[in-house]
């Protein structure tokens, strides 16, 4: 079975679309979260291989969630946003995440390239 994924985004439509897309590419979506606090809790409970994490969340932003996930267990965290990564300056690189993919560019192969690519 493929890598397990937790999808974190405040838009249910994106979570549903990402779930279908990733399942079709052999990933196993084990959970979803609509905000940062739930994401941290679900990541600890589900222990996914990958956390697909939106930068903009209603409570705490994805950068803070990524910081909190760096303790204890360590999933591969991939940030997503509808914005260009250049809009975030050095924050993506400094956040310690595995990488970034624009929502419009999300695909199984794109996610795989980020996870398996050089750090």
PDB file of N, CA and C in Angstrom:
ATOM      1  N   UNK A   1       0.846  -1.194   0.000  1.00  0.00           N
ATOM      2  CA  UNK A   1       0.000   0.000   0.000  1.00  0.00           C
ATOM      3  C   UNK A   1       0.879   1.240   0.000  1.00  0.00           C
ATOM      4  N   UNK A   2       0.389   2.327  -0.588  1.00  0.00           N
ATOM      5  CA  UNK A   2       1.152   3.555  -0.729  1.00  0.00           C
ATOM      6  C   UNK A   2       1.355   4.288   0.575  1.00  0.00           C
ATOM      7  N   UNK A   3       2.064   5.385   0.471  1.00  0.00           N
ATOM      8  CA  UNK A   3       2.327   6.225   1.645  1.00  0.00           C
ATOM      9  C   UNK A   3       1.023   6.767   2.209  1.00  0.00           C
ATOM     10  N   UNK A   4       0.992   6.886   3.526  1.00  0.00           N
ATOM     11  CA  UNK A   4      -0.185   7.453   4.185  1.00  0.00           C
ATOM     12  C   UNK A   4      -0.061   8.979   4.217  1.00  0.00           C
ATOM     13  N   UNK A   5      -1.207   9.654   4.033  1.00  0.00           N
ATOM     14  CA  UNK A   5      -1.224  11.115   3.926  1.00  0.00           C
ATOM     15  C   UNK A   5      -2.326  11.693   4.809  1.00  0.00           C
ATOM     16  N   UNK A   6      -2.000  12.770   5.493  1.00  0.00           N
ATOM     17  CA  UNK A   6      -2.970  13.605   6.193  1.00  0.00           C
ATOM     18  C   UNK A   6      -3.084  14.891   5.390  1.00  0.00           C
ATOM     19  N   UNK A   7      -4.302  15.240   4.963  1.00  0.00           N
ATOM     20  CA  UNK A   7      -4.539  16.454   4.185  1.00  0.00           C
ATOM     21  C   UNK A   7      -5.071  17.535   5.123  1.00  0.00           C
ATOM     22  N   UNK A   8      -4.401  18.689   5.125  1.00  0.00           N
ATOM     23  CA  UNK A   8      -4.788  19.795   6.000  1.00  0.00           C
ATOM     24  C   UNK A   8      -5.096  21.021   5.145  1.00  0.00           C
ATOM     25  N   UNK A   9      -6.357  21.404   5.124  1.00  0.00           N
ATOM     26  CA  UNK A   9      -6.793  22.577   4.362  1.00  0.00           C
ATOM     27  C   UNK A   9      -8.156  22.992   4.899  1.00  0.00           C
ATOM     28  N   UNK A  10      -8.412  24.284   4.958  1.00  0.00           N
ATOM     29  CA  UNK A  10      -9.698  24.745   5.493  1.00  0.00           C
ATOM     30  C   UNK A  10     -10.822  24.690   4.473  1.00  0.00           C
ATOM     31  N   UNK A  11     -10.530  24.345   3.232  1.00  0.00           N
ATOM     32  CA  UNK A  11     -11.569  24.227   2.206  1.00  0.00           C
ATOM     33  C   UNK A  11     -11.897  22.756   1.962  1.00  0.00           C
ATOM     34  N   UNK A  12     -13.114  22.381   2.304  1.00  0.00           N
ATOM     35  CA  UNK A  12     -13.547  20.984   2.141  1.00  0.00           C
ATOM     36  C   UNK A  12     -13.450  20.524   0.692  1.00  0.00           C
ATOM     37  N   UNK A  13     -13.733  21.409  -0.243  1.00  0.00           N
ATOM     38  CA  UNK A  13     -13.657  21.055  -1.658  1.00  0.00           C
ATOM     39  C   UNK A  13     -12.243  20.671  -2.069  1.00  0.00           C
ATOM     40  N   UNK A  14     -11.246  21.413  -1.589  1.00  0.00           N
ATOM     41  CA  UNK A  14      -9.862  21.064  -1.907  1.00  0.00           C
ATOM     42  C   UNK A  14      -9.487  19.730  -1.261  1.00  0.00           C
ATOM     43  N   UNK A  15      -9.882  19.532  -0.016  1.00  0.00           N
ATOM     44  CA  UNK A  15      -9.560  18.260   0.656  1.00  0.00           C
ATOM     45  C   UNK A  15     -10.151  17.090  -0.108  1.00  0.00           C
ATOM     46  N   UNK A  16     -11.385  17.219  -0.553  1.00  0.00           N
ATOM     47  CA  UNK A  16     -12.049  16.153  -1.298  1.00  0.00           C
ATOM     48  C   UNK A  16     -11.337  15.886  -2.619  1.00  0.00           C
ATOM     49  N   UNK A  17     -11.006  16.944  -3.343  1.00  0.00           N
ATOM     50  CA  UNK A  17     -10.301  16.817  -4.619  1.00  0.00           C
ATOM     51  C   UNK A  17      -8.923  16.187  -4.412  1.00  0.00           C
ATOM     52  N   UNK A  18      -8.178  16.674  -3.414  1.00  0.00           N
ATOM     53  CA  UNK A  18      -6.833  16.142  -3.149  1.00  0.00           C
ATOM     54  C   UNK A  18      -6.898  14.675  -2.735  1.00  0.00           C
ATOM     55  N   UNK A  19      -7.900  14.314  -1.937  1.00  0.00           N
ATOM     56  CA  UNK A  19      -8.069  12.916  -1.526  1.00  0.00           C
ATOM     57  C   UNK A  19      -8.258  12.019  -2.750  1.00  0.00           C
ATOM     58  N   UNK A  20      -9.165  12.401  -3.638  1.00  0.00           N
ATOM     59  CA  UNK A  20      -9.432  11.595  -4.831  1.00  0.00           C
ATOM     60  C   UNK A  20      -8.184  11.505  -5.712  1.00  0.00           C
ATOM     61  N   UNK A  21      -7.510  12.614  -5.899  1.00  0.00           N
ATOM     62  CA  UNK A  21      -6.310  12.652  -6.732  1.00  0.00           C
ATOM     63  C   UNK A  21      -5.212  11.757  -6.155  1.00  0.00           C
ATOM     64  N   UNK A  22      -4.948  11.898  -4.874  1.00  0.00           N
ATOM     65  CA  UNK A  22      -3.867  11.128  -4.260  1.00  0.00           C
ATOM     66  C   UNK A  22      -4.213   9.647  -4.177  1.00  0.00           C
ATOM     67  N   UNK A  23      -5.464   9.336  -3.856  1.00  0.00           N
ATOM     68  CA  UNK A  23      -5.876   7.924  -3.848  1.00  0.00           C
ATOM     69  C   UNK A  23      -5.672   7.298  -5.225  1.00  0.00           C
ATOM     70  N   UNK A  24      -5.993   8.044  -6.279  1.00  0.00           N
ATOM     71  CA  UNK A  24      -5.836   7.538  -7.644  1.00  0.00           C
ATOM     72  C   UNK A  24      -4.375   7.290  -7.999  1.00  0.00           C
ATOM     73  N   UNK A  25      -3.458   7.960  -7.290  1.00  0.00           N
ATOM     74  CA  UNK A  25      -2.023   7.791  -7.538  1.00  0.00           C
ATOM     75  C   UNK A  25      -1.365   6.863  -6.521  1.00  0.00           C
ATOM     76  N   UNK A  26      -2.164   6.090  -5.794  1.00  0.00           N
ATOM     77  CA  UNK A  26      -1.610   5.085  -4.907  1.00  0.00           C
ATOM     78  C   UNK A  26      -1.308   5.512  -3.495  1.00  0.00           C
ATOM     79  N   UNK A  27      -1.611   6.751  -3.148  1.00  0.00           N
ATOM     80  CA  UNK A  27      -1.455   7.192  -1.765  1.00  0.00           C
ATOM     81  C   UNK A  27      -2.650   6.699  -0.957  1.00  0.00           C
ATOM     82  N   UNK A  28      -2.466   6.617   0.338  1.00  0.00           N
ATOM     83  CA  UNK A  28      -3.533   6.188   1.243  1.00  0.00           C
ATOM     84  C   UNK A  28      -3.845   7.363   2.169  1.00  0.00           C
ATOM     85  N   UNK A  29      -4.919   8.085   1.874  1.00  0.00           N
ATOM     86  CA  UNK A  29      -5.292   9.236   2.698  1.00  0.00           C
ATOM     87  C   UNK A  29      -5.930   8.714   3.981  1.00  0.00           C
ATOM     88  N   UNK A  30      -5.265   8.975   5.108  1.00  0.00           N
ATOM     89  CA  UNK A  30      -5.717   8.432   6.395  1.00  0.00           C
ATOM     90  C   UNK A  30      -6.513   9.430   7.216  1.00  0.00           C
ATOM     91  N   UNK A  31      -6.513  10.704   6.792  1.00  0.00           N
ATOM     92  CA  UNK A  31      -7.274  11.685   7.552  1.00  0.00           C
ATOM     93  C   UNK A  31      -7.228  13.054   6.913  1.00  0.00           C
ATOM     94  N   UNK A  32      -8.060  13.920   7.465  1.00  0.00           N
ATOM     95  CA  UNK A  32      -8.155  15.299   7.017  1.00  0.00           C
ATOM     96  C   UNK A  32      -8.290  16.193   8.237  1.00  0.00           C
ATOM     97  N   UNK A  33      -7.858  17.439   8.083  1.00  0.00           N
ATOM     98  CA  UNK A  33      -8.027  18.440   9.127  1.00  0.00           C
ATOM     99  C   UNK A  33      -8.312  19.772   8.459  1.00  0.00           C
ATOM    100  N   UNK A  34      -9.170  20.575   9.097  1.00  0.00           N
ATOM    101  CA  UNK A  34      -9.554  21.863   8.534  1.00  0.00           C
ATOM    102  C   UNK A  34      -8.861  23.038   9.210  1.00  0.00           C
ATOM    103  N   UNK A  35      -8.070  22.781  10.247  1.00  0.00           N
ATOM    104  CA  UNK A  35      -7.363  23.861  10.928  1.00  0.00           C
ATOM    105  C   UNK A  35      -6.060  23.319  11.512  1.00  0.00           C
ATOM    106  N   UNK A  36      -5.216  24.222  11.960  1.00  0.00           N
ATOM    107  CA  UNK A  36      -3.893  23.845  12.442  1.00  0.00           C
ATOM    108  C   UNK A  36      -3.889  23.013  13.708  1.00  0.00           C
ATOM    109  N   UNK A  37      -4.704  23.374  14.665  1.00  0.00           N
ATOM    110  CA  UNK A  37      -4.727  22.615  15.924  1.00  0.00           C
ATOM    111  C   UNK A  37      -5.172  21.174  15.696  1.00  0.00           C
ATOM    112  N   UNK A  38      -6.187  21.002  14.879  1.00  0.00           N
ATOM    113  CA  UNK A  38      -6.645  19.653  14.546  1.00  0.00           C
ATOM    114  C   UNK A  38      -5.563  18.912  13.785  1.00  0.00           C
ATOM    115  N   UNK A  39      -4.843  19.593  12.915  1.00  0.00           N
ATOM    116  CA  UNK A  39      -3.763  18.961  12.145  1.00  0.00           C
ATOM    117  C   UNK A  39      -2.696  18.389  13.066  1.00  0.00           C
ATOM    118  N   UNK A  40      -2.278  19.153  14.049  1.00  0.00           N
ATOM    119  CA  UNK A  40      -1.247  18.687  14.980  1.00  0.00           C
ATOM    120  C   UNK A  40      -1.752  17.470  15.748  1.00  0.00           C
ATOM    121  N   UNK A  41      -2.980  17.532  16.216  1.00  0.00           N
ATOM    122  CA  UNK A  41      -3.575  16.420  16.961  1.00  0.00           C
ATOM    123  C   UNK A  41      -3.710  15.172  16.082  1.00  0.00           C
ATOM    124  N   UNK A  42      -4.219  15.350  14.858  1.00  0.00           N
ATOM    125  CA  UNK A  42      -4.411  14.209  13.959  1.00  0.00           C
ATOM    126  C   UNK A  42      -3.079  13.623  13.487  1.00  0.00           C
ATOM    127  N   UNK A  43      -2.081  14.451  13.291  1.00  0.00           N
ATOM    128  CA  UNK A  43      -0.761  13.938  12.905  1.00  0.00           C
ATOM    129  C   UNK A  43      -0.188  13.061  14.005  1.00  0.00           C
ATOM    130  N   UNK A  44      -0.362  13.462  15.254  1.00  0.00           N
ATOM    131  CA  UNK A  44       0.123  12.643  16.371  1.00  0.00           C
ATOM    132  C   UNK A  44      -0.670  11.343  16.480  1.00  0.00           C
ATOM    133  N   UNK A  45      -1.958  11.404  16.241  1.00  0.00           N
ATOM    134  CA  UNK A  45      -2.815  10.219  16.364  1.00  0.00           C
ATOM    135  C   UNK A  45      -2.632   9.250  15.202  1.00  0.00           C
ATOM    136  N   UNK A  46      -2.537   9.773  13.993  1.00  0.00           N
ATOM    137  CA  UNK A  46      -2.514   8.935  12.791  1.00  0.00           C
ATOM    138  C   UNK A  46      -1.111   8.535  12.334  1.00  0.00           C
ATOM    139  N   UNK A  47      -0.110   9.316  12.735  1.00  0.00           N
ATOM    140  CA  UNK A  47       1.279   9.070  12.364  1.00  0.00           C
ATOM    141  C   UNK A  47       1.437   8.855  10.849  1.00  0.00           C
ATOM    142  N   UNK A  48       0.991   9.818  10.029  1.00  0.00           N
ATOM    143  CA  UNK A  48       1.078   9.648   8.571  1.00  0.00           C
ATOM    144  C   UNK A  48       2.521   9.760   8.087  1.00  0.00           C
ATOM    145  N   UNK A  49       2.761   9.218   6.905  1.00  0.00           N
ATOM    146  CA  UNK A  49       4.069   9.383   6.271  1.00  0.00           C
ATOM    147  C   UNK A  49       4.244  10.800   5.749  1.00  0.00           C
ATOM    148  N   UNK A  50       3.133  11.404   5.298  1.00  0.00           N
ATOM    149  CA  UNK A  50       3.155  12.723   4.668  1.00  0.00           C
ATOM    150  C   UNK A  50       2.025  13.573   5.236  1.00  0.00           C
ATOM    151  N   UNK A  51       2.319  14.850   5.490  1.00  0.00           N
ATOM    152  CA  UNK A  51       1.279  15.824   5.819  1.00  0.00           C
ATOM    153  C   UNK A  51       1.281  16.854   4.697  1.00  0.00           C
ATOM    154  N   UNK A  52       0.175  16.900   3.954  1.00  0.00           N
ATOM    155  CA  UNK A  52      -0.021  17.892   2.906  1.00  0.00           C
ATOM    156  C   UNK A  52      -0.704  19.074   3.586  1.00  0.00           C
ATOM    157  N   UNK A  53       0.004  20.180   3.740  1.00  0.00           N
ATOM    158  CA  UNK A  53      -0.359  21.233   4.679  1.00  0.00           C
ATOM    159  C   UNK A  53      -0.538  22.586   4.006  1.00  0.00           C
ATOM    160  N   UNK A  54      -1.755  23.104   4.055  1.00  0.00           N
ATOM    161  CA  UNK A  54      -2.032  24.431   3.517  1.00  0.00           C
ATOM    162  C   UNK A  54      -1.324  25.489   4.362  1.00  0.00           C
ATOM    163  N   UNK A  55      -0.791  26.500   3.722  1.00  0.00           N
ATOM    164  CA  UNK A  55      -0.129  27.589   4.434  1.00  0.00           C
ATOM    165  C   UNK A  55      -1.140  28.425   5.208  1.00  0.00           C
ATOM    166  N   UNK A  56      -2.293  28.705   4.607  1.00  0.00           N
ATOM    167  CA  UNK A  56      -3.285  29.595   5.226  1.00  0.00           C
ATOM    168  C   UNK A  56      -4.387  28.772   5.878  1.00  0.00           C
ATOM    169  N   UNK A  57      -4.407  28.804   7.206  1.00  0.00           N
ATOM    170  CA  UNK A  57      -5.423  28.091   7.990  1.00  0.00           C
ATOM    171  C   UNK A  57      -6.125  29.094   8.896  1.00  0.00           C
ATOM    172  N   UNK A  58      -7.323  28.782   9.361  1.00  0.00           N
ATOM    173  CA  UNK A  58      -8.095  29.775  10.127  1.00  0.00           C
ATOM    174  C   UNK A  58      -7.561  30.064  11.528  1.00  0.00           C
ATOM    175  N   UNK A  59      -6.776  29.172  12.117  1.00  0.00           N
ATOM    176  CA  UNK A  59      -6.319  29.425  13.477  1.00  0.00           C
ATOM    177  C   UNK A  59      -4.821  29.725  13.524  1.00  0.00           C
ATOM    178  N   UNK A  60      -3.992  28.754  13.246  1.00  0.00           N
ATOM    179  CA  UNK A  60      -2.551  28.975  13.178  1.00  0.00           C
ATOM    180  C   UNK A  60      -2.092  28.636  11.759  1.00  0.00           C
ATOM    181  N   UNK A  61      -1.082  29.333  11.283  1.00  0.00           N
ATOM    182  CA  UNK A  61      -0.698  29.111   9.885  1.00  0.00           C
ATOM    183  C   UNK A  61       0.120  27.829   9.727  1.00  0.00           C
ATOM    184  N   UNK A  62       0.254  27.412   8.479  1.00  0.00           N
ATOM    185  CA  UNK A  62       0.960  26.183   8.173  1.00  0.00           C
ATOM    186  C   UNK A  62       2.404  26.190   8.621  1.00  0.00           C
ATOM    187  N   UNK A  63       3.046  27.350   8.650  1.00  0.00           N
ATOM    188  CA  UNK A  63       4.426  27.418   9.113  1.00  0.00           C
ATOM    189  C   UNK A  63       4.524  27.032  10.587  1.00  0.00           C
ATOM    190  N   UNK A  64       3.569  27.500  11.388  1.00  0.00           N
ATOM    191  CA  UNK A  64       3.555  27.148  12.806  1.00  0.00           C
ATOM    192  C   UNK A  64       3.221  25.674  12.989  1.00  0.00           C
ATOM    193  N   UNK A  65       2.278  25.158  12.217  1.00  0.00           N
ATOM    194  CA  UNK A  65       1.959  23.722  12.290  1.00  0.00           C
ATOM    195  C   UNK A  65       3.208  22.905  11.960  1.00  0.00           C
ATOM    196  N   UNK A  66       3.911  23.287  10.907  1.00  0.00           N
ATOM    197  CA  UNK A  66       5.136  22.572  10.525  1.00  0.00           C
ATOM    198  C   UNK A  66       6.154  22.606  11.654  1.00  0.00           C
ATOM    199  N   UNK A  67       6.285  23.744  12.320  1.00  0.00           N
ATOM    200  CA  UNK A  67       7.210  23.856  13.450  1.00  0.00           C
ATOM    201  C   UNK A  67       6.831  22.881  14.555  1.00  0.00           C
ATOM    202  N   UNK A  68       5.535  22.801  14.846  1.00  0.00           N
ATOM    203  CA  UNK A  68       5.078  21.902  15.899  1.00  0.00           C
ATOM    204  C   UNK A  68       5.260  20.436  15.513  1.00  0.00           C
ATOM    205  N   UNK A  69       5.177  20.131  14.241  1.00  0.00           N
ATOM    206  CA  UNK A  69       5.341  18.745  13.797  1.00  0.00           C
ATOM    207  C   UNK A  69       6.801  18.309  13.785  1.00  0.00           C
ATOM    208  N   UNK A  70       7.725  19.235  13.916  1.00  0.00           N
ATOM    209  CA  UNK A  70       9.139  18.867  13.906  1.00  0.00           C
ATOM    210  C   UNK A  70       9.552  18.134  15.166  1.00  0.00           C
ATOM    211  N   UNK A  71       8.796  18.241  16.240  1.00  0.00           N
ATOM    212  CA  UNK A  71       9.095  17.486  17.456  1.00  0.00           C
ATOM    213  C   UNK A  71       8.677  16.045  17.267  1.00  0.00           C
ATOM    214  N   UNK A  72       8.946  15.194  18.213  1.00  0.00           N
ATOM    215  CA  UNK A  72       8.463  13.804  18.213  1.00  0.00           C
ATOM    216  C   UNK A  72       8.564  13.109  16.873  1.00  0.00           C
ATOM    217  N   UNK A  73       7.434  12.610  16.383  1.00  0.00           N
ATOM    218  CA  UNK A  73       7.431  11.931  15.081  1.00  0.00           C
ATOM    219  C   UNK A  73       7.688  12.941  13.977  1.00  0.00           C
ATOM    220  N   UNK A  74       8.170  12.451  12.886  1.00  0.00           N
ATOM    221  CA  UNK A  74       8.563  13.384  11.820  1.00  0.00           C
ATOM    222  C   UNK A  74       8.006  12.942  10.477  1.00  0.00           C
ATOM    223  N   UNK A  75       6.802  13.357  10.139  1.00  0.00           N
ATOM    224  CA  UNK A  75       6.306  13.060   8.791  1.00  0.00           C
ATOM    225  C   UNK A  75       6.992  13.991   7.793  1.00  0.00           C
ATOM    226  N   UNK A  76       6.943  13.636   6.529  1.00  0.00           N
ATOM    227  CA  UNK A  76       7.372  14.556   5.476  1.00  0.00           C
ATOM    228  C   UNK A  76       6.257  15.586   5.328  1.00  0.00           C
ATOM    229  N   UNK A  77       6.563  16.841   5.570  1.00  0.00           N
ATOM    230  CA  UNK A  77       5.577  17.909   5.467  1.00  0.00           C
ATOM    231  C   UNK A  77       5.780  18.633   4.143  1.00  0.00           C
ATOM    232  N   UNK A  78       4.702  18.727   3.376  1.00  0.00           N
ATOM    233  CA  UNK A  78       4.726  19.439   2.102  1.00  0.00           C
ATOM    234  C   UNK A  78       3.673  20.539   2.184  1.00  0.00           C
ATOM    235  N   UNK A  79       4.122  21.771   2.050  1.00  0.00           N
ATOM    236  CA  UNK A  79       3.207  22.909   2.078  1.00  0.00           C
ATOM    237  C   UNK A  79       2.510  23.063   0.727  1.00  0.00           C
ATOM    238  N   UNK A  80       1.251  23.494   0.777  1.00  0.00           N
ATOM    239  CA  UNK A  80       0.497  23.817  -0.429  1.00  0.00           C
ATOM    240  C   UNK A  80      -0.150  25.182  -0.255  1.00  0.00           C
ATOM    241  N   UNK A  81      -0.339  25.852  -1.368  1.00  0.00           N
ATOM    242  CA  UNK A  81      -1.028  27.136  -1.351  1.00  0.00           C
ATOM    243  C   UNK A  81      -1.458  27.462  -2.764  1.00  0.00           C
ATOM    244  N   UNK A  82      -2.460  28.311  -2.865  1.00  0.00           N
ATOM    245  CA  UNK A  82      -2.844  28.799  -4.179  1.00  0.00           C
ATOM    246  C   UNK A  82      -1.915  29.934  -4.601  1.00  0.00           C
ATOM    247  N   UNK A  83      -1.087  30.393  -3.678  1.00  0.00           N
ATOM    248  CA  UNK A  83      -0.132  31.462  -3.977  1.00  0.00           C
ATOM    249  C   UNK A  83       1.198  30.870  -4.427  1.00  0.00           C
ATOM    250  N   UNK A  84       2.002  31.677  -5.046  1.00  0.00           N
ATOM    251  CA  UNK A  84       3.322  31.288  -5.509  1.00  0.00           C
ATOM    252  C   UNK A  84       4.279  31.188  -4.309  1.00  0.00           C
ATOM    253  N   UNK A  85       5.180  30.211  -4.299  1.00  0.00           N
ATOM    254  CA  UNK A  85       6.099  30.100  -3.156  1.00  0.00           C
ATOM    255  C   UNK A  85       6.951  31.354  -2.955  1.00  0.00           C
ATOM    256  N   UNK A  86       7.214  32.111  -4.022  1.00  0.00           N
ATOM    257  CA  UNK A  86       7.999  33.340  -3.888  1.00  0.00           C
ATOM    258  C   UNK A  86       7.292  34.365  -3.004  1.00  0.00           C
ATOM    259  N   UNK A  87       5.965  34.257  -2.896  1.00  0.00           N
ATOM    260  CA  UNK A  87       5.201  35.175  -2.047  1.00  0.00           C
ATOM    261  C   UNK A  87       5.558  35.024  -0.569  1.00  0.00           C
ATOM    262  N   UNK A  88       6.154  33.909  -0.210  1.00  0.00           N
ATOM    263  CA  UNK A  88       6.470  33.641   1.192  1.00  0.00           C
ATOM    264  C   UNK A  88       7.942  33.887   1.514  1.00  0.00           C
ATOM    265  N   UNK A  89       8.699  34.370   0.549  1.00  0.00           N
ATOM    266  CA  UNK A  89      10.108  34.658   0.779  1.00  0.00           C
ATOM    267  C   UNK A  89      10.856  33.420   1.237  1.00  0.00           C
ATOM    268  N   UNK A  90      11.690  33.587   2.241  1.00  0.00           N
ATOM    269  CA  UNK A  90      12.503  32.479   2.763  1.00  0.00           C
ATOM    270  C   UNK A  90      11.754  31.600   3.757  1.00  0.00           C
ATOM    271  N   UNK A  91      10.506  31.928   4.048  1.00  0.00           N
ATOM    272  CA  UNK A  91       9.772  31.179   5.078  1.00  0.00           C
ATOM    273  C   UNK A  91       9.609  29.705   4.727  1.00  0.00           C
ATOM    274  N   UNK A  92       9.414  29.369   3.460  1.00  0.00           N
ATOM    275  CA  UNK A  92       9.248  27.965   3.079  1.00  0.00           C
ATOM    276  C   UNK A  92      10.530  27.206   3.381  1.00  0.00           C
ATOM    277  N   UNK A  93      11.649  27.716   2.901  1.00  0.00           N
ATOM    278  CA  UNK A  93      12.936  27.045   3.120  1.00  0.00           C
ATOM    279  C   UNK A  93      13.284  26.979   4.608  1.00  0.00           C
ATOM    280  N   UNK A  94      13.030  28.045   5.334  1.00  0.00           N
ATOM    281  CA  UNK A  94      13.378  28.108   6.755  1.00  0.00           C
ATOM    282  C   UNK A  94      12.449  27.280   7.639  1.00  0.00           C
ATOM    283  N   UNK A  95      11.318  26.853   7.104  1.00  0.00           N
ATOM    284  CA  UNK A  95      10.320  26.159   7.931  1.00  0.00           C
ATOM    285  C   UNK A  95      10.675  24.702   8.214  1.00  0.00           C
ATOM    286  N   UNK A  96      11.648  24.160   7.501  1.00  0.00           N
ATOM    287  CA  UNK A  96      12.034  22.773   7.736  1.00  0.00           C
ATOM    288  C   UNK A  96      11.134  21.758   7.060  1.00  0.00           C
ATOM    289  N   UNK A  97      10.245  22.215   6.168  1.00  0.00           N
ATOM    290  CA  UNK A  97       9.357  21.291   5.462  1.00  0.00           C
ATOM    291  C   UNK A  97      10.126  20.617   4.331  1.00  0.00           C
ATOM    292  N   UNK A  98       9.551  19.549   3.805  1.00  0.00           N
ATOM    293  CA  UNK A  98      10.173  18.808   2.704  1.00  0.00           C
ATOM    294  C   UNK A  98      10.123  19.604   1.405  1.00  0.00           C
ATOM    295  N   UNK A  99       9.046  20.406   1.235  1.00  0.00           N
ATOM    296  CA  UNK A  99       8.924  21.197   0.033  1.00  0.00           C
ATOM    297  C   UNK A  99       7.601  21.910  -0.055  1.00  0.00           C
ATOM    298  N   UNK A 100       7.332  22.441  -1.235  1.00  0.00           N
ATOM    299  CA  UNK A 100       6.144  23.243  -1.499  1.00  0.00           C
ATOM    300  C   UNK A 100       5.622  22.876  -2.874  1.00  0.00           C
ATOM    301  N   UNK A 101       4.302  22.792  -2.989  1.00  0.00           N
ATOM    302  CA  UNK A 101       3.678  22.611  -4.302  1.00  0.00           C
ATOM    303  C   UNK A 101       2.459  23.530  -4.369  1.00  0.00           C
ATOM    304  N   UNK A 102       2.332  24.220  -5.479  1.00  0.00           N
ATOM    305  CA  UNK A 102       1.146  25.043  -5.692  1.00  0.00           C
ATOM    306  C   UNK A 102      -0.062  24.126  -5.848  1.00  0.00           C
ATOM    307  N   UNK A 103      -1.201  24.526  -5.332  1.00  0.00           N
ATOM    308  CA  UNK A 103      -2.403  23.680  -5.426  1.00  0.00           C
ATOM    309  C   UNK A 103      -2.708  23.302  -6.870  1.00  0.00           C
ATOM    310  N   UNK A 104      -2.515  24.229  -7.786  1.00  0.00           N
ATOM    311  CA  UNK A 104      -2.805  23.957  -9.194  1.00  0.00           C
ATOM    312  C   UNK A 104      -1.861  22.911  -9.788  1.00  0.00           C
ATOM    313  N   UNK A 105      -0.700  22.718  -9.161  1.00  0.00           N
ATOM    314  CA  UNK A 105       0.299  21.771  -9.672  1.00  0.00           C
ATOM    315  C   UNK A 105       0.311  20.445  -8.912  1.00  0.00           C
ATOM    316  N   UNK A 106      -0.569  20.296  -7.938  1.00  0.00           N
ATOM    317  CA  UNK A 106      -0.572  19.072  -7.135  1.00  0.00           C
ATOM    318  C   UNK A 106      -0.924  17.861  -7.994  1.00  0.00           C
ATOM    319  N   UNK A 107      -0.104  16.833  -7.878  1.00  0.00           N
ATOM    320  CA  UNK A 107      -0.349  15.549  -8.523  1.00  0.00           C
ATOM    321  C   UNK A 107       0.419  14.503  -7.731  1.00  0.00           C
ATOM    322  N   UNK A 108       0.108  13.249  -7.968  1.00  0.00           N
ATOM    323  CA  UNK A 108       0.857  12.188  -7.316  1.00  0.00           C
ATOM    324  C   UNK A 108       2.333  12.255  -7.648  1.00  0.00           C
ATOM    325  N   UNK A 109       2.691  12.354  -8.947  1.00  0.00           N
ATOM    326  CA  UNK A 109       4.107  12.439  -9.299  1.00  0.00           C
ATOM    327  C   UNK A 109       4.808  13.684  -8.725  1.00  0.00           C
ATOM    328  N   UNK A 110       4.116  14.811  -8.681  1.00  0.00           N
ATOM    329  CA  UNK A 110       4.725  16.024  -8.127  1.00  0.00           C
ATOM    330  C   UNK A 110       5.018  15.841  -6.645  1.00  0.00           C
ATOM    331  N   UNK A 111       4.073  15.256  -5.918  1.00  0.00           N
ATOM    332  CA  UNK A 111       4.271  15.007  -4.492  1.00  0.00           C
ATOM    333  C   UNK A 111       5.409  14.011  -4.290  1.00  0.00           C
ATOM    334  N   UNK A 112       5.435  12.969  -5.083  1.00  0.00           N
ATOM    335  CA  UNK A 112       6.492  11.955  -4.994  1.00  0.00           C
ATOM    336  C   UNK A 112       7.867  12.572  -5.238  1.00  0.00           C
ATOM    337  N   UNK A 113       7.970  13.461  -6.218  1.00  0.00           N
ATOM    338  CA  UNK A 113       9.245  14.117  -6.521  1.00  0.00           C
ATOM    339  C   UNK A 113       9.737  14.963  -5.347  1.00  0.00           C
ATOM    340  N   UNK A 114       8.814  15.618  -4.665  1.00  0.00           N
ATOM    341  CA  UNK A 114       9.187  16.426  -3.505  1.00  0.00           C
ATOM    342  C   UNK A 114       9.647  15.536  -2.361  1.00  0.00           C
ATOM    343  N   UNK A 115       8.889  14.491  -2.080  1.00  0.00           N
ATOM    344  CA  UNK A 115       9.203  13.616  -0.953  1.00  0.00           C
ATOM    345  C   UNK A 115      10.521  12.862  -1.179  1.00  0.00           C
ATOM    346  N   UNK A 116      10.722  12.362  -2.389  1.00  0.00           N
ATOM    347  CA  UNK A 116      11.896  11.551  -2.673  1.00  0.00           C
ATOM    348  C   UNK A 116      13.083  12.354  -3.200  1.00  0.00           C
ATOM    349  N   UNK A 117      12.875  13.635  -3.476  1.00  0.00           N
ATOM    350  CA  UNK A 117      13.940  14.461  -4.029  1.00  0.00           C
ATOM    351  C   UNK A 117      14.964  14.847  -2.970  1.00  0.00           C
ATOM    352  N   UNK A 118      15.981  15.579  -3.382  1.00  0.00           N
ATOM    353  CA  UNK A 118      17.005  16.015  -2.428  1.00  0.00           C
ATOM    354  C   UNK A 118      16.411  16.963  -1.394  1.00  0.00           C
ATOM    355  N   UNK A 119      16.944  16.917  -0.217  1.00  0.00           N
ATOM    356  CA  UNK A 119      16.469  17.798   0.871  1.00  0.00           C
ATOM    357  C   UNK A 119      16.862  19.221   0.642  1.00  0.00           C
TER     358      UNK A 119
END
